[in-house]
Each structure stands twice: as structure tokens, then as C-alpha cells.
Amino acid sequence: MIKRIVTFLLLLSMSFALSACGTEKRVTDAATTPVAASTESSISVTSTPIAVTAEGLWTPSESADKIVVISDLHLGIDDRYSETVENRALLVDFLEKLEDTADVRELVINGDFLDDWFLPLAYPGYDDPDEFYRQVIATNQDVIDALNRLITKGINVVYVPGNHDMLLKSEVLDEALPGIVQARDAEGLGVYVTGDRQEIAIEHGHRYDVFSSPDSVSNKELCQNEDTILPPGYFYARIAASWILQGQPLIKKDYPVVTVIPDPAIDPDQYGAYLYYRVLSTQFARITQFERFEDKVFDMGIAGFDDIYSLKDFYPVQQEDGTISAPVLFENFQRTWDERQEINQVGVKNSFVEAVAGTLSTDYYFNQAIVQYLENPEKSIELVVFGHTHTPESRKVGDKLYINEGTWIDHNHLNPDIARTFAVITTGAITDAVIYEYEADGTITDITDRVSKD
């Protein structure tokens, strides 16, 4: 237990990672997608360089057996505070080369495609998320046009929801990208099962993140509705965005301190509340925005909210009765996790303590891939692809595989030496997965060995 707590406290120094179907079928249902049993199959991870040609990204094979996965594009409404501006032209170039690569069957956008979380606190309050997303689409029309050309070419383009675009409605995306396949299940979530043998599961990964998964439970009583799916991560991201845009000022803050650590064996409920407090208190000791603790800065008119809130409203503190809880938003947050997992269709549930302690660790998401898919006897999945963490990686689990395709944001402080990464999966009797970096000169570099954790 001591080793686990020390590991958890070390992870607190990390930041949140906040920073196949035919085209005629628009929306897939993860609960009803057939999964074929695998009999003769294997996973192969290679780092053999692909020959690059002028016509496309690589010399194509004879059959359309490639599934390309990208995620965490984080395209914003305004270039002044979008996380992907410098890399946008390279993204368009990448998509154009993909269009000319003859063996590409599918392009899967694995969440956080568009972004309504990375907004400064000064951004004007709004009450029409559909119109907000239409403006995001207009700001990034060159990317949308490139994706539409892929669809017209016959490449199956698939969207899986992420946390930063969980409010993006299917009809709004359909307007912009007619013919796109949308893999959705619970609200703000989805998983796409694909491959010749339905052996590949692709989802963003925020379903298992206590800070980022949809939360229609915690603020239901406060707001008197069940539409309040935005989790604490949304509010954290808004503050972080402001701090970054303010130049990351160092300002001394005097936030309330919880001094008594509950015993997890005696009071697991309050121990969970304490861990939630520790995560937020540690992050807000580092992220010191100009706005004060009590300033009403969250002008909320979306997702069931209709009020103005402060950091104080969702910051856990010691209450008069001795319990640890935020006073207004996400009150007794640790008590809603079980119900949230049920609503969010989590197959194998875990405890709040496990979820909150692991949410800053890439190991946690790897373990979720194992539990939910790779070693789940009810699934016949051989390869799991998550996004969300912004950390590209490849890990073997026996003869199966977990990969993360990384991100396309301009400045990834978690992995500053790796940029614009994507996964290429070859499906067939042998399923092969490789992770590449798209270089500024339009070439690609195989980084699978570099990001392997085997």
C-alpha cells in the first residue's frame, strides 16, 4: 500500500492528458456490433520502414488492408487559443497523401477531433453547443475539406467521440462530413470494432477516466436535470487554458488545505475523497491563473448547466462535519463513480480509489485495455487502440497488443520530442500494427520500437 501511494503521489507531478462498416451505415452501436470469434490469428509488431512514394505515404499492397488511426487533433474555434494551429497545414498534407495511398481502407479519428474544453475563462458564455461546433468546423474548413475528399475517394472515415468533443452531436458532424461513420454508444462515448475478423477495438479511453468520462450523476440534483455530462476535467481544462494563454504566471495561492488523511481500510469513501482533493490541489498549486479562488468565472449555459461558478465551487475542502467534499459542483464526487460506470457502459467496473489514483498514469489505461478487452473472456479482441493520453506507445500482452496513437497538437509537453503521430494497422490473417511520426517534410518515420514498452 505504501509503495502504491508513493507511486500515486509521484504521478501527481504529471499533467492531465487534457491537454468495419460500410459507408452507408452512419452510426454504429458498440453494444450490437458483431465480434467474430478468432481462430487462426496472430498479432505482429514490426518496425520495417515503409517505402515512401511521391503518390502517397507508402508503396501500397495489392489489397486495401490498411486502417489508419489518428486522435487528439484538438481543432479549436479560434486560432488564438487552439492547440493545433502550426500542425494544421501538415495535417491537411497528411490527409492528402493518405488519399493517394491506394491500400488505405479506413481512417479512424479516435476522439478529441474538435475541442470545446480548451477555452480561456474569458471566452463569452454560450448556450448553443451545436453552433459552437459549426464555428469550430468553419475555422478548420481545410481539414474538413480534406476529410470529405477521403470520403469521396471511397475511404471509410470513422469518428469515435473523445472527452473534449463529447458535446458534438452526430447531426452536426454529418452536416460537415456527409458519409462519415460515427461509432457511438453511451452519450459522449463510443468504440469502433473493425478488421477482417472484427479483431480490433478502437476507443478514445476517457470512458475509464474518472475526471474525463461523461458525468450525468454528480450535478443532477444541483441542476435539476440529467444533461450535465461535463465532468471535472472540463472545468480544470478551462482554467489550464487561461493559465497557459496568460503566459503561465507564478502566483502565490492560498487554497484550503486538508490535513487529515483518512485510513483507506477504515473509511474508503473519505480516502477516495482525499485522493480527489490531492489531485486537484497538486494541479492547482502548479497552475496559478490570474483569476482568484472565489471569482465567478465559469459562465455555464450548456450541457444542463445554467449558472456562473468559481474554482471554489468545485474545489474539495474539509466540511464542518469533517467530511471532504466540494461545496457546490461535484459534491461527494467519489460516491457517483459506480453509477457513472453503469451509465457509461463500462464492461468491467473498478473502484473510485483505483480510478482516481490511476488517472494520471499511462499504465492505468494499458491495464484497462487488458481488463476490458484483451483478457476479457466475453471479447474476441486481439488489438486495442486508445488515444486520450497524448503518449504514443506499443505494448504486447502475450500474442495480443495495445497501442496508443498519440496526438497532433502543436506543443506536447508530455512528449516534446515526438509530434504528429498515427497508427497504421494491417488487418488480415496476421494483424500488424506500426506507429509513425509525420515529419515536417512530408515523410514518415517508424517510431514503434522507440515507443515500445515491452
Protein backbone atom coordinates (compact mmCIF):
# COMPACT_ATOMS: atom_id res chain seq x y z
CA MET A 1 0.00 0.00 0.00
CA ILE A 2 2.83 2.43 0.86
CA LYS A 3 4.50 1.76 -2.50
CA ARG A 4 1.22 2.38 -4.31
CA ILE A 5 0.61 5.70 -2.53
CA VAL A 6 4.17 6.88 -3.25
CA THR A 7 3.74 5.97 -6.91
CA PHE A 8 0.46 7.86 -6.99
CA LEU A 9 1.98 10.97 -5.43
CA LEU A 10 4.81 10.88 -7.96
CA LEU A 11 2.28 10.74 -10.76
CA LEU A 12 0.67 13.90 -9.45
CA SER A 13 3.57 15.82 -10.95
CA MET A 14 2.27 14.87 -14.38
CA SER A 15 -0.43 16.94 -16.03
CA PHE A 16 -3.78 15.61 -17.20
CA ALA A 17 -3.95 14.32 -20.72
CA LEU A 18 -6.49 17.10 -21.23
CA SER A 19 -4.26 18.58 -22.73
CA ALA A 20 -15.54 -2.30 -40.30
CA CYS A 21 -18.62 -0.98 -41.54
CA GLY A 22 -19.73 0.24 -44.95
CA THR A 23 -20.11 3.97 -45.50
CA GLU A 24 -23.86 3.59 -45.81
CA LYS A 25 -24.05 2.84 -42.08
CA ARG A 26 -23.62 6.16 -40.29
CA VAL A 27 -23.80 5.27 -36.61
CA THR A 28 -22.50 2.04 -35.13
CA ASP A 29 -23.66 0.66 -31.78
CA ALA A 30 -20.91 -0.90 -29.70
CA ALA A 31 -23.46 -2.97 -27.84
CA THR A 32 -24.67 -4.61 -31.08
CA THR A 33 -21.54 -4.66 -33.24
CA PRO A 34 -20.86 -8.33 -34.02
CA VAL A 35 -17.48 -9.62 -32.89
CA ALA A 36 -16.29 -12.69 -34.72
CA ALA A 37 -14.51 -15.37 -32.79
CA SER A 38 -10.83 -15.59 -33.63
CA THR A 39 -9.48 -19.00 -34.51
CA GLU A 40 -6.26 -18.75 -36.51
CA SER A 41 -4.74 -15.36 -36.00
CA SER A 42 -1.81 -13.52 -34.53
CA ILE A 43 -0.54 -10.03 -33.81
CA SER A 44 2.71 -8.81 -35.28
CA VAL A 45 4.52 -5.61 -34.32
CA THR A 46 7.13 -4.54 -36.84
CA SER A 47 9.42 -1.59 -37.37
CA THR A 48 10.28 -2.28 -41.01
CA PRO A 49 10.47 1.02 -42.90
CA ILE A 50 7.75 1.59 -45.49
CA ALA A 51 8.94 2.78 -48.88
CA VAL A 52 7.69 6.34 -49.41
CA THR A 53 6.49 7.35 -52.86
CA ALA A 54 5.57 10.68 -54.41
CA GLU A 55 1.98 9.50 -54.88
CA GLY A 56 1.19 8.54 -51.29
CA LEU A 57 2.55 7.80 -47.86
CA TRP A 58 4.00 4.40 -48.76
CA THR A 59 4.12 1.82 -51.54
CA PRO A 60 0.69 0.18 -51.28
CA SER A 61 -0.02 -3.52 -51.01
CA GLU A 62 -2.27 -5.25 -53.50
CA SER A 63 -5.37 -5.16 -51.28
CA ALA A 64 -6.98 -2.36 -49.24
CA ASP A 65 -5.94 -3.78 -45.89
CA LYS A 66 -4.70 -0.66 -44.02
CA ILE A 67 -6.57 1.00 -41.16
CA VAL A 68 -5.06 4.36 -40.19
CA VAL A 69 -5.84 5.74 -36.73
CA ILE A 70 -5.30 9.33 -35.59
CA SER A 71 -6.58 11.07 -32.49
CA ASP A 72 -6.34 14.13 -30.28
CA LEU A 73 -6.30 16.69 -33.08
CA HIS A 74 -7.88 19.29 -30.76
CA LEU A 75 -9.03 21.64 -33.51
CA GLY A 76 -10.38 24.79 -31.87
CA ILE A 77 -12.81 27.59 -32.53
CA ASP A 78 -10.19 30.35 -32.63
CA ASP A 79 -6.57 30.08 -33.69
CA ARG A 80 -5.56 32.38 -30.85
CA TYR A 81 -6.21 29.55 -28.41
CA SER A 82 -6.39 26.37 -30.43
CA GLU A 83 -3.91 23.65 -29.53
CA THR A 84 -3.39 22.76 -33.20
CA VAL A 85 -2.51 25.69 -35.47
CA GLU A 86 1.10 25.15 -36.58
CA ASN A 87 0.41 21.48 -37.34
CA ARG A 88 -2.88 22.04 -39.17
CA ALA A 89 -1.30 22.54 -42.62
CA LEU A 90 0.77 19.39 -42.05
CA LEU A 91 -2.39 17.53 -41.06
CA VAL A 92 -4.03 18.58 -44.34
CA ASP A 93 -0.91 17.48 -46.21
CA PHE A 94 -1.01 14.14 -44.41
CA LEU A 95 -4.67 13.62 -45.33
CA GLU A 96 -3.97 14.49 -48.98
CA LYS A 97 -1.17 11.92 -49.11
CA LEU A 98 -3.46 9.41 -47.43
CA GLU A 99 -5.97 9.98 -50.22
CA ASP A 100 -3.29 8.91 -52.72
CA THR A 101 -2.28 5.78 -50.79
CA ALA A 102 -4.16 3.03 -52.56
CA ASP A 103 -4.31 0.37 -49.84
CA VAL A 104 -5.96 2.55 -47.15
CA ARG A 105 -9.34 1.09 -46.25
CA GLU A 106 -10.26 3.26 -43.27
CA LEU A 107 -9.24 6.39 -41.41
CA VAL A 108 -10.41 6.35 -37.79
CA ILE A 109 -10.44 9.65 -35.87
CA ASN A 110 -10.22 8.33 -32.33
CA GLY A 111 -11.63 11.20 -30.28
CA ASP A 112 -10.79 14.80 -29.40
CA PHE A 113 -11.21 15.73 -33.07
CA LEU A 114 -12.82 19.10 -32.28
CA ASP A 115 -12.40 20.88 -28.95
CA ASP A 116 -14.75 22.82 -26.70
CA TRP A 117 -12.70 22.33 -23.50
CA PHE A 118 -9.51 24.25 -24.26
CA LEU A 119 -11.13 27.68 -23.88
CA PRO A 120 -9.95 30.57 -21.69
CA LEU A 121 -12.20 31.58 -18.83
CA ALA A 122 -12.71 34.92 -20.56
CA TYR A 123 -14.40 33.23 -23.52
CA PRO A 124 -18.00 34.51 -23.65
CA GLY A 125 -20.62 32.20 -22.22
CA TYR A 126 -22.81 30.49 -24.81
CA ASP A 127 -25.86 28.27 -24.81
CA ASP A 128 -25.76 26.62 -28.25
CA PRO A 129 -23.03 23.97 -28.49
CA ASP A 130 -24.20 22.98 -31.98
CA GLU A 131 -23.50 26.48 -33.27
CA PHE A 132 -20.20 26.48 -31.38
CA TYR A 133 -19.11 23.34 -33.20
CA ARG A 134 -20.23 24.73 -36.55
CA GLN A 135 -17.86 27.62 -35.92
CA VAL A 136 -15.06 25.20 -35.00
CA ILE A 137 -15.69 23.41 -38.27
CA ALA A 138 -15.59 26.69 -40.21
CA THR A 139 -12.30 27.67 -38.55
CA ASN A 140 -10.79 24.37 -39.67
CA GLN A 141 -12.51 24.08 -43.05
CA ASP A 142 -9.31 22.99 -44.78
CA VAL A 143 -9.17 19.87 -42.62
CA ILE A 144 -12.88 19.20 -43.18
CA ASP A 145 -12.43 19.56 -46.95
CA ALA A 146 -9.53 17.09 -46.92
CA LEU A 147 -11.62 14.57 -44.97
CA ASN A 148 -14.52 14.98 -47.39
CA ARG A 149 -12.17 14.19 -50.26
CA LEU A 150 -11.19 10.97 -48.49
CA ILE A 151 -14.85 10.01 -48.15
CA THR A 152 -15.48 10.81 -51.83
CA LYS A 153 -12.46 8.66 -52.73
CA GLY A 154 -14.14 5.71 -51.02
CA ILE A 155 -12.06 5.57 -47.84
CA ASN A 156 -14.21 4.76 -44.82
CA VAL A 157 -13.79 7.72 -42.43
CA VAL A 158 -14.85 6.92 -38.86
CA TYR A 159 -15.32 9.19 -35.84
CA VAL A 160 -15.17 7.98 -32.22
CA PRO A 161 -16.09 10.56 -29.52
CA GLY A 162 -13.49 11.89 -27.08
CA ASN A 163 -13.86 13.91 -23.90
CA HIS A 164 -13.00 17.28 -25.48
CA ASP A 165 -15.79 16.81 -28.06
CA MET A 166 -18.33 14.83 -26.03
CA LEU A 167 -20.97 17.52 -26.76
CA LEU A 168 -20.53 17.19 -30.54
CA LYS A 169 -23.85 15.94 -31.90
CA SER A 170 -23.97 13.37 -34.70
CA GLU A 171 -26.15 15.56 -36.91
CA VAL A 172 -23.69 18.47 -36.73
CA LEU A 173 -20.82 16.23 -37.78
CA ASP A 174 -22.97 14.70 -40.53
CA GLU A 175 -23.61 18.18 -41.92
CA ALA A 176 -19.88 18.80 -42.22
CA LEU A 177 -18.83 15.30 -43.28
CA PRO A 178 -21.66 13.52 -45.13
CA GLY A 179 -20.94 9.80 -45.21
CA ILE A 180 -18.80 9.70 -42.08
CA VAL A 181 -19.32 6.66 -39.83
CA GLN A 182 -19.90 7.59 -36.19
CA ALA A 183 -19.17 4.93 -33.58
CA ARG A 184 -21.27 5.93 -30.56
CA ASP A 185 -22.77 4.05 -27.64
CA ALA A 186 -23.40 5.89 -24.35
CA GLU A 187 -23.63 9.67 -24.62
CA GLY A 188 -20.20 11.20 -25.26
CA LEU A 189 -18.63 7.76 -25.78
CA GLY A 190 -18.07 5.13 -28.42
CA VAL A 191 -15.96 2.18 -29.52
CA TYR A 192 -15.30 1.06 -33.07
CA VAL A 193 -14.77 -2.64 -33.73
CA THR A 194 -13.17 -3.36 -37.09
CA GLY A 195 -10.73 -5.56 -39.01
CA ASP A 196 -11.20 -8.57 -41.28
CA ARG A 197 -12.06 -10.68 -38.24
CA GLN A 198 -13.51 -7.89 -36.10
CA GLU A 199 -10.34 -8.27 -34.04
CA ILE A 200 -9.61 -4.58 -33.43
CA ALA A 201 -11.27 -2.31 -30.83
CA ILE A 202 -10.68 1.44 -31.10
CA GLU A 203 -11.90 3.90 -28.47
CA HIS A 204 -10.65 7.16 -27.02
CA GLY A 205 -10.14 5.81 -23.49
CA HIS A 206 -11.85 8.52 -21.42
CA ARG A 207 -14.62 6.08 -20.53
CA TYR A 208 -12.31 4.84 -17.75
CA ASP A 209 -11.06 8.28 -16.64
CA VAL A 210 -12.88 9.49 -13.52
CA PHE A 211 -12.03 13.12 -14.37
CA SER A 212 -12.95 12.99 -18.06
CA SER A 213 -15.75 10.46 -18.60
CA PRO A 214 -19.30 11.81 -19.01
CA ASP A 215 -20.92 12.59 -15.67
CA SER A 216 -24.69 13.00 -15.67
CA VAL A 217 -24.90 11.99 -12.00
CA SER A 218 -22.83 14.33 -9.79
CA ASN A 219 -24.67 17.58 -10.59
CA LYS A 220 -28.10 16.14 -11.34
CA GLU A 221 -29.65 17.38 -8.09
CA LEU A 222 -27.92 20.77 -8.25
CA CYS A 223 -29.11 21.50 -11.80
CA GLN A 224 -32.36 19.53 -11.62
CA ASN A 225 -31.70 17.65 -14.85
CA GLU A 226 -29.68 14.73 -16.19
CA ASP A 227 -28.00 16.62 -19.04
CA THR A 228 -24.97 17.77 -17.02
CA ILE A 229 -22.49 15.34 -18.56
CA LEU A 230 -19.43 17.62 -18.32
CA PRO A 231 -17.01 16.14 -15.74
CA PRO A 232 -14.46 17.96 -13.52
CA GLY A 233 -11.86 17.74 -16.28
CA TYR A 234 -13.80 20.30 -18.31
CA PHE A 235 -13.53 22.91 -15.55
CA TYR A 236 -9.88 22.06 -14.96
CA ALA A 237 -9.14 22.41 -18.69
CA ARG A 238 -10.74 25.86 -18.84
CA ILE A 239 -8.50 27.08 -16.00
CA ALA A 240 -5.42 25.45 -17.53
CA ALA A 241 -6.15 27.08 -20.89
CA SER A 242 -6.37 30.50 -19.25
CA TRP A 243 -3.13 29.99 -17.34
CA ILE A 244 -1.26 28.93 -20.49
CA LEU A 245 -2.63 31.87 -22.51
CA GLN A 246 -1.71 34.22 -19.65
CA GLY A 247 1.92 33.13 -20.01
CA GLN A 248 1.87 30.60 -17.15
CA PRO A 249 2.22 33.18 -14.35
CA LEU A 250 3.56 32.11 -10.96
CA ILE A 251 1.11 33.48 -8.43
CA LYS A 252 1.02 32.52 -4.77
CA LYS A 253 -2.33 30.94 -3.97
CA ASP A 254 -3.76 30.26 -0.54
CA TYR A 255 -6.24 27.47 -1.12
CA PRO A 256 -7.82 25.45 1.70
CA VAL A 257 -5.73 22.51 2.91
CA VAL A 258 -6.99 19.11 4.02
CA THR A 259 -4.61 18.00 6.75
CA VAL A 260 -6.08 14.66 7.87
CA ILE A 261 -5.56 11.65 5.59
CA PRO A 262 -8.37 9.12 6.07
CA ASP A 263 -7.41 5.49 6.58
CA PRO A 264 -8.33 3.60 3.38
CA ALA A 265 -9.03 0.42 5.35
CA ILE A 266 -11.40 2.13 7.78
CA ASP A 267 -13.01 4.76 5.57
CA PRO A 268 -12.50 4.07 1.84
CA ASP A 269 -15.20 6.63 0.97
CA GLN A 270 -13.31 9.52 2.55
CA TYR A 271 -9.98 8.17 1.37
CA GLY A 272 -11.34 8.42 -2.16
CA ALA A 273 -12.48 11.98 -1.46
CA TYR A 274 -9.00 12.77 -0.17
CA LEU A 275 -7.32 11.39 -3.31
CA TYR A 276 -9.62 13.54 -5.44
CA TYR A 277 -8.60 16.55 -3.33
CA ARG A 278 -4.91 15.65 -3.68
CA VAL A 279 -5.08 15.52 -7.46
CA LEU A 280 -6.79 18.91 -7.74
CA SER A 281 -4.73 20.60 -5.02
CA THR A 282 -1.48 19.43 -6.59
CA GLN A 283 -2.51 20.59 -10.05
CA PHE A 284 -3.72 23.99 -8.84
CA ALA A 285 -0.51 24.52 -6.90
CA ARG A 286 1.20 24.42 -10.30
CA ILE A 287 -1.48 26.09 -12.42
CA THR A 288 -1.78 29.57 -10.91
CA GLN A 289 -4.05 31.65 -13.14
CA PHE A 290 -4.76 35.34 -12.54
CA GLU A 291 -8.37 34.64 -11.54
CA ARG A 292 -8.98 34.28 -7.82
CA PHE A 293 -10.37 31.28 -5.95
CA GLU A 294 -13.78 32.86 -5.41
CA ASP A 295 -14.17 34.65 -8.76
CA LYS A 296 -17.26 33.56 -10.68
CA VAL A 297 -15.55 32.72 -13.97
CA PHE A 298 -17.38 29.69 -15.40
CA ASP A 299 -20.32 31.18 -17.27
CA MET A 300 -22.18 27.94 -17.98
CA GLY A 301 -25.21 27.76 -20.25
CA ILE A 302 -24.51 24.37 -21.85
CA ALA A 303 -24.94 20.69 -21.01
CA GLY A 304 -27.66 21.24 -18.41
CA PHE A 305 -25.83 23.99 -16.51
CA ASP A 306 -27.34 27.46 -16.16
CA ASP A 307 -25.28 29.45 -13.67
CA ILE A 308 -21.89 31.05 -13.07
CA TYR A 309 -19.37 29.17 -10.94
CA SER A 310 -15.95 29.64 -9.33
CA LEU A 311 -13.00 27.38 -8.65
CA LYS A 312 -14.13 27.47 -5.02
CA ASP A 313 -17.41 25.84 -6.06
CA PHE A 314 -15.74 22.59 -7.20
CA TYR A 315 -12.61 22.51 -5.02
CA PRO A 316 -12.79 19.76 -2.31
CA VAL A 317 -12.37 21.03 1.27
CA GLN A 318 -12.92 19.77 4.80
CA GLN A 319 -16.57 20.41 5.64
CA GLU A 320 -17.92 21.28 9.09
CA ASP A 321 -18.95 17.67 9.68
CA GLY A 322 -15.38 16.54 8.96
CA THR A 323 -16.04 15.03 5.54
CA ILE A 324 -14.14 16.08 2.43
CA SER A 325 -16.23 17.43 -0.42
CA ALA A 326 -16.59 20.27 -2.89
CA PRO A 327 -19.31 22.66 -1.68
CA VAL A 328 -21.33 23.04 -4.90
CA LEU A 329 -20.16 21.28 -8.06
CA PHE A 330 -19.35 17.54 -7.89
CA GLU A 331 -20.35 17.28 -4.25
CA ASN A 332 -19.23 13.94 -2.76
CA PHE A 333 -17.77 13.12 -6.15
CA GLN A 334 -16.38 9.75 -5.06
CA ARG A 335 -19.90 8.40 -4.49
CA THR A 336 -21.06 8.73 -8.11
CA TRP A 337 -18.43 6.59 -9.85
CA ASP A 338 -20.32 3.30 -9.71
CA GLU A 339 -23.45 4.81 -11.27
CA ARG A 340 -21.42 6.69 -13.86
CA GLN A 341 -19.71 3.46 -14.94
CA GLU A 342 -23.11 1.82 -15.34
CA ILE A 343 -24.45 4.69 -17.46
CA ASN A 344 -21.22 4.85 -19.47
CA GLN A 345 -21.39 1.13 -20.29
CA VAL A 346 -18.13 0.15 -18.62
CA GLY A 347 -17.90 -3.61 -19.01
CA VAL A 348 -15.60 -4.37 -16.08
CA LYS A 349 -16.03 -1.79 -13.32
CA ASN A 350 -13.39 -0.66 -10.85
CA SER A 351 -13.35 1.32 -7.61
CA PHE A 352 -13.15 5.10 -7.35
CA VAL A 353 -9.85 4.80 -5.48
CA GLU A 354 -8.32 2.75 -8.28
CA ALA A 355 -9.67 5.10 -10.94
CA VAL A 356 -8.58 8.36 -9.32
CA ALA A 357 -5.15 7.00 -8.36
CA GLY A 358 -4.52 5.75 -11.89
CA THR A 359 -5.94 8.53 -14.00
CA LEU A 360 -2.58 10.28 -14.48
CA SER A 361 -0.76 7.08 -15.45
CA THR A 362 -0.47 5.54 -18.91
CA ASP A 363 -0.19 2.18 -17.11
CA TYR A 364 -3.77 2.62 -15.90
CA TYR A 365 -5.14 2.83 -19.44
CA PHE A 366 -2.99 -0.10 -20.55
CA ASN A 367 -4.48 -2.15 -17.70
CA GLN A 368 -7.97 -1.05 -18.70
CA ALA A 369 -7.33 -2.28 -22.24
CA ILE A 370 -6.33 -5.65 -20.78
CA VAL A 371 -9.29 -5.92 -18.40
CA GLN A 372 -11.95 -4.60 -20.74
CA TYR A 373 -10.79 -6.34 -23.93
CA LEU A 374 -7.58 -8.34 -24.25
CA GLU A 375 -8.15 -10.69 -21.31
CA ASN A 376 -11.92 -10.38 -21.17
CA PRO A 377 -13.38 -13.83 -21.99
CA GLU A 378 -16.51 -12.16 -23.36
CA LYS A 379 -14.49 -10.36 -26.06
CA SER A 380 -12.59 -11.67 -29.08
CA ILE A 381 -10.31 -8.65 -29.43
CA GLU A 382 -6.62 -9.00 -30.33
CA LEU A 383 -5.64 -5.34 -30.72
CA VAL A 384 -6.83 -2.36 -28.65
CA VAL A 385 -6.19 1.25 -29.67
CA PHE A 386 -6.68 4.10 -27.19
CA GLY A 387 -5.99 7.81 -27.52
CA HIS A 388 -6.52 10.37 -24.73
CA THR A 389 -3.11 10.32 -23.03
CA HIS A 390 -1.19 12.08 -25.85
CA THR A 391 1.53 9.45 -25.36
CA PRO A 392 2.19 7.09 -28.29
CA GLU A 393 3.09 3.62 -27.12
CA SER A 394 3.02 -0.06 -28.03
CA ARG A 395 2.74 -2.94 -25.54
CA LYS A 396 2.37 -6.66 -26.06
CA VAL A 397 0.05 -8.81 -23.99
CA GLY A 398 1.04 -12.34 -24.91
CA ASP A 399 0.14 -12.63 -28.60
CA LYS A 400 -2.14 -9.58 -28.37
CA LEU A 401 -1.36 -5.87 -28.49
CA TYR A 402 -2.24 -2.47 -27.03
CA ILE A 403 -1.25 0.74 -28.79
CA ASN A 404 -1.83 4.46 -28.35
CA GLU A 405 -1.57 6.58 -31.49
CA GLY A 406 -0.58 9.85 -29.75
CA THR A 407 -1.58 13.38 -30.77
CA TRP A 408 -1.25 16.16 -33.38
CA ILE A 409 -1.23 19.20 -31.06
CA ASP A 410 1.50 21.80 -31.66
CA HIS A 411 3.23 21.51 -28.30
CA ASN A 412 3.01 18.22 -26.44
CA HIS A 413 4.85 18.83 -23.16
CA LEU A 414 4.40 15.18 -22.19
CA ASN A 415 6.40 14.04 -25.23
CA PRO A 416 8.22 17.10 -26.62
CA ASP A 417 10.47 15.07 -28.95
CA ILE A 418 7.62 13.29 -30.75
CA ALA A 419 5.00 15.04 -32.90
CA ARG A 420 2.13 14.26 -35.29
CA THR A 421 1.88 10.53 -34.64
CA PHE A 422 -0.52 7.98 -36.06
CA ALA A 423 -1.03 4.22 -36.21
CA VAL A 424 -1.20 2.02 -39.29
CA ILE A 425 -2.87 -1.36 -38.80
CA THR A 426 -2.73 -4.08 -41.45
CA THR A 427 -5.65 -6.45 -40.98
CA GLY A 428 -5.76 -9.99 -42.24
CA ALA A 429 -4.76 -13.47 -41.09
CA ILE A 430 -1.93 -11.66 -39.32
CA THR A 431 -2.72 -8.26 -37.83
CA ASP A 432 0.23 -5.89 -37.91
CA ALA A 433 0.41 -2.52 -36.12
CA VAL A 434 3.01 0.22 -36.56
CA ILE A 435 3.23 3.74 -35.10
CA TYR A 436 4.59 6.53 -37.28
CA GLU A 437 5.58 10.16 -36.93
CA TYR A 438 4.65 12.50 -39.79
CA GLU A 439 7.68 14.67 -40.45
CA ALA A 440 7.60 18.34 -41.44
CA ASP A 441 8.99 17.42 -44.88
CA GLY A 442 6.07 15.09 -45.61
CA THR A 443 7.90 11.83 -44.95
CA ILE A 444 7.05 9.30 -42.27
CA THR A 445 9.26 7.70 -39.63
CA ASP A 446 8.54 4.40 -37.92
CA ILE A 447 8.79 5.01 -34.15
CA THR A 448 7.31 1.72 -32.96
CA ASP A 449 10.50 0.49 -31.33
CA ARG A 450 11.08 3.90 -29.79
CA VAL A 451 7.70 3.96 -28.06
CA SER A 452 7.52 0.25 -27.24
CA LYS A 453 7.33 -0.60 -23.55
CA ASP A 454 7.99 -4.31 -23.89
